[in-house]
N, C-alpha and C. Protein backbone atom coordinates (compact mmCIF):
# COMPACT_ATOMS: atom_id res chain seq x y z
N MET A 1 -40.77 131.75 -14.98
CA MET A 1 -39.90 131.91 -16.12
C MET A 1 -39.73 130.52 -16.93
N SER A 2 -39.82 130.95 -18.29
CA SER A 2 -39.56 129.52 -19.03
C SER A 2 -38.31 129.21 -19.29
N LYS A 3 -38.06 128.00 -19.89
CA LYS A 3 -36.68 127.78 -20.26
C LYS A 3 -36.24 128.15 -21.42
N PRO A 4 -34.90 128.53 -21.36
CA PRO A 4 -34.49 129.28 -22.65
C PRO A 4 -34.61 128.56 -23.77
N SER A 5 -34.71 127.33 -23.92
CA SER A 5 -34.97 126.48 -25.06
C SER A 5 -36.39 126.44 -25.68
N ALA A 6 -37.36 126.77 -24.52
CA ALA A 6 -38.82 126.90 -24.95
C ALA A 6 -39.13 128.21 -25.45
N ALA A 7 -38.33 129.10 -25.00
CA ALA A 7 -38.50 130.52 -25.49
C ALA A 7 -38.17 130.51 -26.69
N LYS A 8 -36.74 130.24 -27.20
CA LYS A 8 -36.43 130.10 -28.60
C LYS A 8 -37.23 129.31 -29.46
N ARG A 9 -37.68 128.03 -29.01
CA ARG A 9 -38.67 127.45 -29.93
C ARG A 9 -39.98 128.13 -30.30
N HIS A 10 -40.43 129.03 -29.31
CA HIS A 10 -41.47 129.81 -29.45
C HIS A 10 -41.43 130.82 -30.47
N ARG A 11 -40.02 131.55 -30.20
CA ARG A 11 -39.58 132.38 -31.22
C ARG A 11 -39.56 131.81 -32.72
N GLN A 12 -39.17 130.62 -32.80
CA GLN A 12 -38.94 129.94 -34.13
C GLN A 12 -40.27 129.74 -34.78
N SER A 13 -41.08 129.44 -33.92
CA SER A 13 -42.72 128.98 -34.31
C SER A 13 -43.54 130.30 -34.80
N LEU A 14 -43.02 131.31 -34.25
CA LEU A 14 -43.62 132.72 -34.67
C LEU A 14 -43.11 133.30 -36.04
N LYS A 15 -41.92 132.86 -36.05
CA LYS A 15 -41.17 133.34 -37.29
C LYS A 15 -41.79 132.49 -38.43
N ARG A 16 -41.65 131.03 -38.21
CA ARG A 16 -41.95 130.26 -39.31
C ARG A 16 -43.60 130.38 -39.65
N ARG A 17 -44.50 130.77 -38.66
CA ARG A 17 -45.93 131.05 -38.80
C ARG A 17 -46.04 132.21 -40.04
N GLN A 18 -45.33 133.34 -39.74
CA GLN A 18 -45.23 134.54 -40.59
C GLN A 18 -44.71 134.03 -42.09
N ILE A 19 -43.76 133.02 -42.15
CA ILE A 19 -43.20 132.74 -43.40
C ILE A 19 -44.34 131.92 -44.09
N ASN A 20 -44.79 130.90 -43.39
CA ASN A 20 -45.91 130.18 -43.94
C ASN A 20 -47.15 130.95 -44.34
N ARG A 21 -47.45 131.87 -43.79
CA ARG A 21 -48.73 132.73 -44.14
C ARG A 21 -48.29 133.53 -45.49
N GLY A 22 -47.23 134.11 -45.35
CA GLY A 22 -47.06 134.67 -46.81
C GLY A 22 -46.95 133.60 -47.87
N TRP A 23 -46.61 132.39 -47.68
CA TRP A 23 -46.36 131.46 -48.64
C TRP A 23 -48.15 131.10 -49.18
N ARG A 24 -48.73 130.93 -48.00
CA ARG A 24 -50.23 130.77 -48.33
C ARG A 24 -51.13 131.90 -49.27
N LYS A 25 -50.49 133.14 -48.59
CA LYS A 25 -51.25 134.32 -49.36
C LYS A 25 -50.70 134.38 -50.71
N LYS A 26 -49.39 134.17 -51.09
CA LYS A 26 -48.92 134.21 -52.49
C LYS A 26 -49.89 132.86 -53.22
N LEU A 27 -50.13 131.83 -52.80
CA LEU A 27 -50.62 130.75 -53.53
C LEU A 27 -52.04 131.27 -53.72
N HIS A 28 -52.73 131.70 -52.82
CA HIS A 28 -54.16 132.13 -53.03
C HIS A 28 -54.23 133.33 -54.00
N THR A 29 -53.40 134.18 -53.94
CA THR A 29 -53.55 135.30 -54.80
C THR A 29 -53.34 134.69 -56.32
N THR A 30 -52.06 134.08 -56.65
CA THR A 30 -51.99 133.47 -57.91
C THR A 30 -52.98 132.57 -58.48
N GLU A 31 -53.63 131.77 -57.48
CA GLU A 31 -54.93 130.96 -57.85
C GLU A 31 -55.95 131.71 -58.29
N LYS A 32 -56.28 132.70 -57.55
CA LYS A 32 -57.29 133.64 -58.04
C LYS A 32 -57.09 134.47 -59.28
N SER A 33 -55.72 134.99 -59.46
CA SER A 33 -55.54 135.33 -60.65
C SER A 33 -55.92 134.44 -61.82
N LEU A 34 -55.34 133.18 -61.63
CA LEU A 34 -55.63 132.31 -62.74
C LEU A 34 -56.91 132.04 -63.00
N LEU A 35 -57.85 132.10 -61.79
CA LEU A 35 -59.26 131.85 -62.19
C LEU A 35 -59.89 132.93 -62.76
N ASP A 36 -59.35 134.26 -62.56
CA ASP A 36 -59.78 135.41 -63.18
C ASP A 36 -59.50 135.15 -64.75
N ARG A 37 -58.38 134.93 -65.11
CA ARG A 37 -57.90 134.85 -66.58
C ARG A 37 -59.06 133.86 -67.06
N LEU A 38 -59.41 132.72 -66.72
CA LEU A 38 -60.43 131.70 -67.04
C LEU A 38 -61.60 132.43 -67.45
N GLY A 39 -61.99 133.00 -66.30
CA GLY A 39 -63.32 133.84 -66.44
C GLY A 39 -63.37 134.74 -67.67
N GLU A 40 -62.33 135.30 -68.07
CA GLU A 40 -62.38 136.37 -68.89
C GLU A 40 -61.98 135.75 -70.41
N GLY A 41 -61.76 134.44 -70.20
CA GLY A 41 -61.38 133.62 -71.60
C GLY A 41 -60.12 134.05 -71.98
N LYS A 42 -59.12 134.54 -71.35
CA LYS A 42 -57.76 134.74 -71.61
C LYS A 42 -56.68 133.39 -71.55
N ALA A 43 -56.99 132.45 -72.35
CA ALA A 43 -56.29 131.16 -72.37
C ALA A 43 -54.85 131.28 -72.49
N GLN A 44 -54.16 132.17 -73.45
CA GLN A 44 -52.40 132.07 -73.26
C GLN A 44 -52.16 132.61 -71.78
N GLU A 45 -52.60 133.85 -71.33
CA GLU A 45 -52.21 134.10 -69.99
C GLU A 45 -52.49 132.91 -68.88
N ALA A 46 -53.76 132.35 -68.98
CA ALA A 46 -54.10 131.34 -68.12
C ALA A 46 -53.06 130.19 -67.83
N VAL A 47 -52.63 129.67 -69.12
CA VAL A 47 -51.43 128.87 -69.57
C VAL A 47 -50.18 129.18 -68.41
N ALA A 48 -49.58 130.52 -68.61
CA ALA A 48 -48.56 131.12 -67.87
C ALA A 48 -48.88 131.01 -66.59
N GLU A 49 -50.19 131.53 -66.27
CA GLU A 49 -50.38 131.60 -64.75
C GLU A 49 -50.44 130.15 -63.90
N LEU A 50 -51.09 129.18 -65.01
CA LEU A 50 -50.88 127.57 -64.34
C LEU A 50 -49.46 127.24 -64.14
N ARG A 51 -48.57 127.55 -65.19
CA ARG A 51 -47.25 127.31 -64.85
C ARG A 51 -46.65 127.77 -63.56
N GLU A 52 -47.03 129.09 -63.30
CA GLU A 52 -46.61 129.66 -62.15
C GLU A 52 -47.20 129.18 -60.83
N ILE A 53 -48.51 129.01 -60.94
CA ILE A 53 -48.96 128.35 -59.59
C ILE A 53 -48.82 127.07 -59.18
N SER A 54 -48.60 126.21 -60.35
CA SER A 54 -47.97 124.70 -60.11
C SER A 54 -46.65 124.79 -59.68
N ARG A 55 -45.84 125.58 -59.94
CA ARG A 55 -44.45 125.84 -59.48
C ARG A 55 -44.40 125.99 -57.97
N LEU A 56 -45.19 127.22 -57.85
CA LEU A 56 -45.47 127.52 -56.45
C LEU A 56 -45.91 126.57 -55.48
N LEU A 57 -47.14 125.89 -55.88
CA LEU A 57 -47.77 124.62 -55.10
C LEU A 57 -46.65 123.49 -54.75
N THR A 58 -45.77 123.37 -55.80
CA THR A 58 -44.72 122.16 -55.67
C THR A 58 -43.93 122.71 -54.84
N ARG A 59 -43.29 124.00 -54.71
CA ARG A 59 -42.21 124.44 -53.82
C ARG A 59 -43.01 124.35 -52.29
N ALA A 60 -44.14 124.90 -52.22
CA ALA A 60 -44.85 124.93 -50.85
C ALA A 60 -44.77 123.71 -50.41
N ALA A 61 -45.16 122.74 -51.24
CA ALA A 61 -45.16 121.16 -50.62
C ALA A 61 -43.86 120.60 -50.25
N THR A 62 -42.85 121.03 -51.04
CA THR A 62 -41.67 120.76 -50.73
C THR A 62 -41.18 121.17 -49.21
N ARG A 63 -41.50 122.64 -49.04
CA ARG A 63 -41.01 123.28 -47.80
C ARG A 63 -42.11 122.90 -46.39
N LYS A 64 -43.06 122.06 -47.03
CA LYS A 64 -44.08 121.56 -45.93
C LYS A 64 -45.04 122.86 -45.54
N VAL A 65 -45.22 123.62 -46.24
CA VAL A 65 -46.16 124.78 -45.93
C VAL A 65 -47.73 123.97 -46.25
N ILE A 66 -47.80 123.30 -47.28
CA ILE A 66 -48.99 122.64 -47.64
C ILE A 66 -48.49 121.07 -47.74
N HIS A 67 -49.58 120.31 -47.47
CA HIS A 67 -49.27 118.85 -47.77
C HIS A 67 -49.24 118.67 -49.44
N LYS A 68 -48.37 117.63 -49.84
CA LYS A 68 -47.71 117.32 -51.24
C LYS A 68 -49.14 116.76 -51.89
N LYS A 69 -49.97 116.10 -51.29
CA LYS A 69 -51.22 115.45 -51.82
C LYS A 69 -52.19 116.84 -52.20
N LYS A 70 -52.33 117.69 -51.28
CA LYS A 70 -52.95 118.81 -51.45
C LYS A 70 -52.51 119.71 -52.91
N SER A 71 -51.27 119.69 -52.89
CA SER A 71 -50.70 120.38 -53.89
C SER A 71 -50.92 119.85 -55.37
N SER A 72 -50.63 118.55 -55.45
CA SER A 72 -50.98 117.77 -56.71
C SER A 72 -52.35 117.67 -56.97
N ARG A 73 -53.25 117.63 -56.02
CA ARG A 73 -54.96 117.71 -56.14
C ARG A 73 -55.12 119.15 -56.67
N LYS A 74 -54.48 120.34 -56.34
CA LYS A 74 -54.93 121.57 -56.82
C LYS A 74 -54.47 121.72 -58.22
N ILE A 75 -53.12 121.26 -58.29
CA ILE A 75 -52.70 121.52 -59.80
C ILE A 75 -53.44 120.59 -60.73
N GLY A 76 -53.85 119.46 -60.37
CA GLY A 76 -54.82 118.56 -61.28
C GLY A 76 -56.23 119.47 -61.60
N ARG A 77 -56.65 119.81 -60.45
CA ARG A 77 -57.97 120.41 -60.63
C ARG A 77 -58.00 121.57 -61.45
N LEU A 78 -56.98 122.44 -61.28
CA LEU A 78 -56.83 123.77 -62.32
C LEU A 78 -56.39 123.46 -63.60
N SER A 79 -55.56 122.40 -63.82
CA SER A 79 -55.27 121.92 -65.16
C SER A 79 -56.35 121.60 -65.85
N LYS A 80 -57.53 120.86 -65.14
CA LYS A 80 -58.78 120.37 -65.60
C LYS A 80 -59.59 121.56 -66.24
N ARG A 81 -59.68 122.45 -65.24
CA ARG A 81 -60.40 123.67 -65.36
C ARG A 81 -59.98 124.29 -66.76
N LEU A 82 -58.35 124.43 -66.88
CA LEU A 82 -58.04 125.23 -68.06
C LEU A 82 -58.53 124.53 -69.31
N ALA A 83 -58.24 123.11 -69.22
CA ALA A 83 -58.42 122.48 -70.38
C ALA A 83 -59.75 122.48 -70.74
N LYS A 84 -60.83 122.42 -69.82
CA LYS A 84 -62.17 122.45 -70.16
C LYS A 84 -62.37 123.99 -70.75
N SER A 85 -61.77 125.06 -70.03
CA SER A 85 -62.13 126.34 -70.55
C SER A 85 -61.57 126.53 -72.11
N ALA A 86 -60.27 126.07 -72.50
CA ALA A 86 -59.79 125.97 -73.57
C ALA A 86 -60.60 125.29 -74.82
N ALA A 87 -61.21 124.23 -74.28
CA ALA A 87 -62.05 123.24 -75.23
C ALA A 87 -63.20 124.20 -75.47
N LYS A 88 -63.76 124.74 -74.60
CA LYS A 88 -65.01 125.54 -74.80
C LYS A 88 -64.66 126.74 -75.60
N SER A 89 -63.52 127.49 -75.64
CA SER A 89 -63.54 128.69 -76.36
C SER A 89 -63.14 128.40 -77.73
N THR A 90 -62.77 127.07 -78.02
CA THR A 90 -62.31 126.75 -79.58
C THR A 90 -63.49 126.21 -80.19
């Protein structure tokens, strides 16, 4: 039989894992949506999506779901793609 503190810690880790998986799924779908908008050439909608994904990435980094440098790297790369796409469309 494991100690009660170990059992509690295990329950907490399982709960935290589910929460983190939800965050990662949300990040992935939002990023994919942004890339779809860029592919379609819808710059205005892509700007709104970029604002949303950058907000989510920052919050995920704050909550330590992902590393903060990964968050800033993704924001930078997506911003760069949006700028490149906007310059190509005009």
